[in-house]
C-alpha atoms as a PDB file:
ATOM      1  CA  MET A   1       2.472  -9.279 -27.909  1.00  0.00           C
ATOM      2  CA  ASN A   2       2.203 -10.559 -24.422  1.00  0.00           C
ATOM      3  CA  ILE A   3       3.995  -8.569 -21.792  1.00  0.00           C
ATOM      4  CA  ASN A   4       4.705 -10.009 -18.390  1.00  0.00           C
ATOM      5  CA  PHE A   5       4.465  -6.926 -16.271  1.00  0.00           C
ATOM      6  CA  LYS A   6       5.933  -8.808 -13.045  1.00  0.00           C
ATOM      7  CA  THR A   7       9.060  -9.637 -15.014  1.00  0.00           C
ATOM      8  CA  LEU A   8       9.360  -5.982 -16.350  1.00  0.00           C
ATOM      9  CA  GLY A   9       8.887  -4.918 -12.737  1.00  0.00           C
ATOM     10  CA  TYR A  10      11.883  -6.950 -11.530  1.00  0.00           C
ATOM     11  CA  LEU A  11      14.041  -5.674 -14.388  1.00  0.00           C
ATOM     12  CA  LEU A  12      13.095  -2.020 -13.437  1.00  0.00           C
ATOM     13  CA  VAL A  13      13.762  -2.574  -9.770  1.00  0.00           C
ATOM     14  CA  GLY A  14      17.216  -4.368 -10.553  1.00  0.00           C
ATOM     15  CA  PHE A  15      18.124  -1.437 -12.892  1.00  0.00           C
ATOM     16  CA  SER A  16      17.133   1.192 -10.441  1.00  0.00           C
ATOM     17  CA  ILE A  17      19.166  -0.530  -7.595  1.00  0.00           C
ATOM     18  CA  VAL A  18      22.200  -0.586  -9.868  1.00  0.00           C
ATOM     19  CA  LEU A  19      21.688   3.071 -10.706  1.00  0.00           C
ATOM     20  CA  LEU A  20      21.397   4.185  -7.254  1.00  0.00           C
ATOM     21  CA  LEU A  21      24.458   2.371  -6.148  1.00  0.00           C
ATOM     22  CA  VAL A  22      26.511   4.023  -8.983  1.00  0.00           C
ATOM     23  CA  LEU A  23      25.013   7.426  -7.995  1.00  0.00           C
ATOM     24  CA  THR A  24      25.866   6.826  -4.321  1.00  0.00           C
ATOM     25  CA  PHE A  25      29.639   6.283  -5.331  1.00  0.00           C
ATOM     26  CA  VAL A  26      29.535   9.288  -7.695  1.00  0.00           C
ATOM     27  CA  LYS A  27      28.033  11.466  -5.004  1.00  0.00           C
ATOM     28  CA  ILE A  28      30.562  10.276  -2.441  1.00  0.00           C
ATOM     29  CA  ASP A  29      33.355  11.073  -4.803  1.00  0.00           C
ATOM     30  CA  PHE A  30      32.024  14.425  -5.811  1.00  0.00           C
ATOM     31  CA  ASP A  31      31.712  15.485  -2.159  1.00  0.00           C
ATOM     32  CA  GLU A  32      35.175  14.392  -1.386  1.00  0.00           C
ATOM     33  CA  GLN A  33      36.574  16.443  -4.370  1.00  0.00           C
ATOM     34  CA  SER A  34      34.355  19.506  -3.424  1.00  0.00           C
ATOM     35  CA  GLY A  35      35.595  19.127   0.149  1.00  0.00           C
ATOM     36  CA  PHE A  36      39.209  19.187  -0.893  1.00  0.00           C
ATOM     37  CA  LEU A  37      38.766  22.181  -3.216  1.00  0.00           C
ATOM     38  CA  CYS A  38      37.115  24.135  -0.421  1.00  0.00           C
ATOM     39  CA  GLU A  39      39.846  23.254   1.838  1.00  0.00           C
ATOM     40  CA  LYS A  40      42.460  24.545  -0.329  1.00  0.00           C
ATOM     41  CA  PHE A  41      40.584  27.755  -1.021  1.00  0.00           C
ATOM     42  CA  HIS A  42      40.063  28.090   2.683  1.00  0.00           C
ATOM     43  CA  GLU A  43      43.910  27.512   3.484  1.00  0.00           C
ATOM     44  CA  ASN A  44      45.005  30.090   0.771  1.00  0.00           C
ATOM     45  CA  GLN A  45      42.387  32.490   2.284  1.00  0.00           C
ATOM     46  CA  TRP A  46      40.902  32.994  -1.171  1.00  0.00           C
ATOM     47  CA  ASN A  47      37.198  34.280  -1.647  1.00  0.00           C
ATOM     48  CA  MET A  48      35.004  31.272  -0.988  1.00  0.00           C
ATOM     49  CA  GLN A  49      32.547  32.674  -3.698  1.00  0.00           C
ATOM     50  CA  GLU A  50      35.221  31.935  -6.224  1.00  0.00           C
ATOM     51  CA  CYS A  51      35.580  28.287  -5.262  1.00  0.00           C
ATOM     52  CA  PRO A  52      34.603  26.091  -8.269  1.00  0.00           C
ATOM     53  CA  ALA A  53      32.962  23.680  -5.805  1.00  0.00           C
ATOM     54  CA  HIS A  54      30.353  26.278  -5.009  1.00  0.00           C
ATOM     55  CA  LYS A  55      29.691  27.413  -8.602  1.00  0.00           C
ATOM     56  CA  SER A  56      28.977  23.883  -9.782  1.00  0.00           C
ATOM     57  CA  ASN A  57      25.409  22.724 -10.475  1.00  0.00           C
ATOM     58  CA  ALA A  58      26.752  18.971 -10.617  1.00  0.00           C
ATOM     59  CA  SER A  59      25.431  18.431  -7.077  1.00  0.00           C
ATOM     60  CA  TRP A  60      21.780  19.309  -8.045  1.00  0.00           C
ATOM     61  CA  MET A  61      22.232  17.060 -11.184  1.00  0.00           C
ATOM     62  CA  ILE A  62      23.195  14.083  -9.045  1.00  0.00           C
ATOM     63  CA  VAL A  63      20.237  14.750  -6.555  1.00  0.00           C
ATOM     64  CA  SER A  64      17.956  14.855  -9.728  1.00  0.00           C
ATOM     65  CA  ALA A  65      19.393  11.511 -10.889  1.00  0.00           C
ATOM     66  CA  PHE A  66      18.714  10.093  -7.543  1.00  0.00           C
ATOM     67  CA  GLY A  67      14.955  11.244  -7.835  1.00  0.00           C
ATOM     68  CA  VAL A  68      14.743   9.544 -11.314  1.00  0.00           C
ATOM     69  CA  GLY A  69      16.331   6.373  -9.890  1.00  0.00           C
ATOM     70  CA  PHE A  70      13.721   6.328  -7.001  1.00  0.00           C
ATOM     71  CA  LEU A  71      11.023   6.966  -9.435  1.00  0.00           C
ATOM     72  CA  ILE A  72      12.079   3.910 -11.576  1.00  0.00           C
ATOM     73  CA  LEU A  73      12.309   1.863  -8.341  1.00  0.00           C
ATOM     74  CA  GLY A  74       8.678   2.900  -7.440  1.00  0.00           C
ATOM     75  CA  ILE A  75       7.291   2.056 -10.895  1.00  0.00           C
ATOM     76  CA  GLY A  76       9.048  -1.334 -10.708  1.00  0.00           C
ATOM     77  CA  MET A  77       7.566  -2.076  -7.328  1.00  0.00           C
ATOM     78  CA  TYR A  78       4.204  -1.050  -8.533  1.00  0.00           C
ATOM     79  CA  MET A  79       4.505  -3.395 -11.336  1.00  0.00           C
ATOM     80  CA  ILE A  80       5.554  -6.325  -9.228  1.00  0.00           C
ATOM     81  CA  PHE A  81       3.006  -5.906  -6.427  1.00  0.00           C
ATOM     82  CA  LEU A  82       0.034  -3.714  -7.434  1.00  0.00           C
ATOM     83  CA  PHE A  83      -0.451  -3.989 -11.176  1.00  0.00           C
ATOM     84  CA  ASN A  84      -3.443  -5.935 -12.079  1.00  0.00           C
ATOM     85  CA  MET A  85      -2.604  -8.857 -14.487  1.00  0.00           C
ATOM     86  CA  PRO A  86      -4.701  -8.978 -17.769  1.00  0.00           C
ATOM     87  CA  GLU A  87      -7.769 -10.847 -17.116  1.00  0.00           C
ATOM     88  CA  HIS A  88      -6.861 -13.909 -19.044  1.00  0.00           C
ATOM     89  CA  GLU A  89      -3.747 -14.369 -17.031  1.00  0.00           C
ATOM     90  CA  GLN A  90      -5.758 -14.904 -13.924  1.00  0.00           C
ATOM     91  CA  TYR A  91      -6.858 -18.174 -15.118  1.00  0.00           C
ATOM     92  CA  GLU A  92      -3.378 -19.577 -15.437  1.00  0.00           C
ATOM     93  CA  SER A  93      -3.132 -20.687 -11.987  1.00  0.00           C
ATOM     94  CA  GLY A  94      -2.033 -24.219 -12.660  1.00  0.00           C
ATOM     95  CA  LYS A  95      -5.570 -25.414 -12.910  1.00  0.00           C
ATOM     96  CA  GLU A  96      -6.067 -28.873 -14.275  1.00  0.00           C
ATOM     97  CA  PHE A  97      -8.417 -28.937 -17.283  1.00  0.00           C
ATOM     98  CA  LYS A  98     -11.272 -31.309 -17.914  1.00  0.00           C
ATOM     99  CA  GLN A  99     -10.156 -34.589 -19.663  1.00  0.00           C
ATOM    100  CA  VAL A 100     -11.096 -34.399 -23.389  1.00  0.00           C
ATOM    101  CA  ASP A 101     -11.103 -37.135 -25.795  1.00  0.00           C
ATOM    102  CA  ILE A 102      -9.553 -35.318 -28.742  1.00  0.00           C
ATOM    103  CA  SER A 103     -10.010 -38.159 -31.051  1.00  0.00           C
ATOM    104  CA  LYS A 104     -13.616 -37.081 -31.425  1.00  0.00           C
ATOM    105  CA  LEU A 105     -12.732 -33.542 -32.467  1.00  0.00           C
ATOM    106  CA  SER A 106     -12.120 -32.378 -35.962  1.00  0.00           C
ATOM    107  CA  ASP A 107      -8.635 -31.236 -37.074  1.00  0.00           C
ATOM    108  CA  ASP A 108      -9.696 -27.603 -36.840  1.00  0.00           C
ATOM    109  CA  GLU A 109     -11.219 -28.071 -33.317  1.00  0.00           C
ATOM    110  CA  LYS A 110      -8.087 -29.841 -32.265  1.00  0.00           C
ATOM    111  CA  LYS A 111      -5.943 -27.101 -33.532  1.00  0.00           C
ATOM    112  CA  VAL A 112      -8.038 -24.422 -31.641  1.00  0.00           C
ATOM    113  CA  TYR A 113      -8.030 -26.617 -28.466  1.00  0.00           C
ATOM    114  CA  GLU A 114      -4.286 -27.211 -28.385  1.00  0.00           C
ATOM    115  CA  ASN A 115      -3.624 -23.548 -29.046  1.00  0.00           C
ATOM    116  CA  ILE A 116      -5.756 -22.486 -25.936  1.00  0.00           C
ATOM    117  CA  LYS A 117      -4.208 -25.425 -23.942  1.00  0.00           C
ATOM    118  CA  SER A 118      -0.684 -24.280 -24.716  1.00  0.00           C
ATOM    119  CA  LYS A 119      -1.487 -20.811 -23.291  1.00  0.00           C
ATOM    120  CA  GLN A 120      -2.300 -22.290 -19.890  1.00  0.00           C
ATOM    121  CA  GLY A 121      -5.865 -22.725 -20.608  1.00  0.00           C
ATOM    122  CA  SER A 122      -6.990 -19.269 -21.598  1.00  0.00           C
ATOM    123  CA  ALA A 123      -6.763 -16.902 -24.697  1.00  0.00           C
ATOM    124  CA  TYR A 124      -8.394 -14.022 -26.337  1.00  0.00           C
ATOM    125  CA  GLN A 125     -10.536 -15.008 -29.266  1.00  0.00           C
ATOM    126  CA  SER A 126      -8.982 -12.380 -31.528  1.00  0.00           C
ATOM    127  CA  ASP A 127      -5.538 -14.060 -30.850  1.00  0.00           C
ATOM    128  CA  LEU A 128      -7.001 -17.338 -31.862  1.00  0.00           C
ATOM    129  CA  ILE A 129      -8.074 -15.839 -35.267  1.00  0.00           C
ATOM    130  CA  LYS A 130      -4.664 -14.402 -35.686  1.00  0.00           C
ATOM    131  CA  GLU A 131      -2.699 -17.517 -34.781  1.00  0.00           C
ATOM    132  CA  THR A 132      -4.854 -20.237 -36.411  1.00  0.00           C
ATOM    133  CA  GLY A 133      -5.493 -18.236 -39.609  1.00  0.00           C
ATOM    134  CA  PHE A 134      -9.252 -19.059 -39.426  1.00  0.00           C
ATOM    135  CA  THR A 135     -11.849 -16.414 -40.149  1.00  0.00           C
ATOM    136  CA  LYS A 136     -13.912 -14.905 -37.549  1.00  0.00           C
ATOM    137  CA  VAL A 137     -16.935 -16.983 -38.550  1.00  0.00           C
ATOM    138  CA  LYS A 138     -14.971 -20.159 -38.476  1.00  0.00           C
ATOM    139  CA  ILE A 139     -13.559 -19.580 -35.095  1.00  0.00           C
ATOM    140  CA  THR A 140     -16.965 -18.722 -33.687  1.00  0.00           C
ATOM    141  CA  ARG A 141     -18.513 -21.824 -35.093  1.00  0.00           C
ATOM    142  CA  ILE A 142     -15.584 -24.007 -33.710  1.00  0.00           C
ATOM    143  CA  LEU A 143     -15.941 -22.276 -30.270  1.00  0.00           C
ATOM    144  CA  ASP A 144     -19.599 -22.791 -30.397  1.00  0.00           C
ATOM    145  CA  LYS A 145     -19.111 -26.634 -30.876  1.00  0.00           C
ATOM    146  CA  LEU A 146     -16.472 -26.816 -28.140  1.00  0.00           C
ATOM    147  CA  GLU A 147     -18.544 -24.723 -25.724  1.00  0.00           C
ATOM    148  CA  SER A 148     -21.702 -26.905 -26.370  1.00  0.00           C
ATOM    149  CA  ALA A 149     -19.615 -29.976 -25.762  1.00  0.00           C
ATOM    150  CA  GLY A 150     -18.495 -28.495 -22.262  1.00  0.00           C
ATOM    151  CA  ILE A 151     -14.916 -28.271 -22.986  1.00  0.00           C
ATOM    152  CA  LEU A 152     -14.517 -24.453 -22.825  1.00  0.00           C
ATOM    153  CA  GLU A 153     -16.323 -21.308 -22.063  1.00  0.00           C
ATOM    154  CA  ARG A 154     -16.345 -17.710 -23.483  1.00  0.00           C
ATOM    155  CA  LYS A 155     -16.382 -14.766 -21.266  1.00  0.00           C
ATOM    156  CA  ARG A 156     -16.939 -11.377 -22.743  1.00  0.00           C
ATOM    157  CA  ARG A 157     -14.274  -8.682 -22.213  1.00  0.00           C
ATOM    158  CA  GLY A 158     -14.778  -5.472 -24.172  1.00  0.00           C
ATOM    159  CA  MET A 159     -14.749  -6.011 -27.837  1.00  0.00           C
ATOM    160  CA  THR A 160     -13.456  -9.599 -27.689  1.00  0.00           C
ATOM    161  CA  ASN A 161     -14.005 -12.765 -25.599  1.00  0.00           C
ATOM    162  CA  ILE A 162     -11.706 -14.626 -23.401  1.00  0.00           C
ATOM    163  CA  ILE A 163     -11.873 -18.369 -23.981  1.00  0.00           C
ATOM    164  CA  VAL A 164     -11.196 -20.412 -20.875  1.00  0.00           C
ATOM    165  CA  LEU A 165     -10.814 -24.297 -20.863  1.00  0.00           C
ATOM    166  CA  LYS A 166     -13.024 -25.967 -18.178  1.00  0.00           C
END
């Protein structure tokens, strides 16, 4: 599963803005109602400690909801601006790839080459195994041939390789 953190960040920011706007209107309405209640208690010279507006915890709940809204906003901003992209996505910068005469490639080599090219020129080796249905050994041999032909290069990343077209 490939998650685009920047898009998710934009969704979180949008959601938090809507949430904060709704909370703003709820808080304004709540404050107006509380003010009206306090005014009526004051006019009738009743005990202010008995005023339902002073006994309610709703104001604190609204403030807590604002805190959650700002937290979601912060996470969204982090995802948009500061979150590091997965390393294979750094190679997707619209780079033009080396011209390859695919008529000289075998069917299996073409399948692997086209799979990598369809992903903007970079893919994890483990993803190629899953998507092509080839064994690890077969993928390794195909990548060896394509790498020796100067079509791609492998870069070690943890327990797998990132395959990048030249």
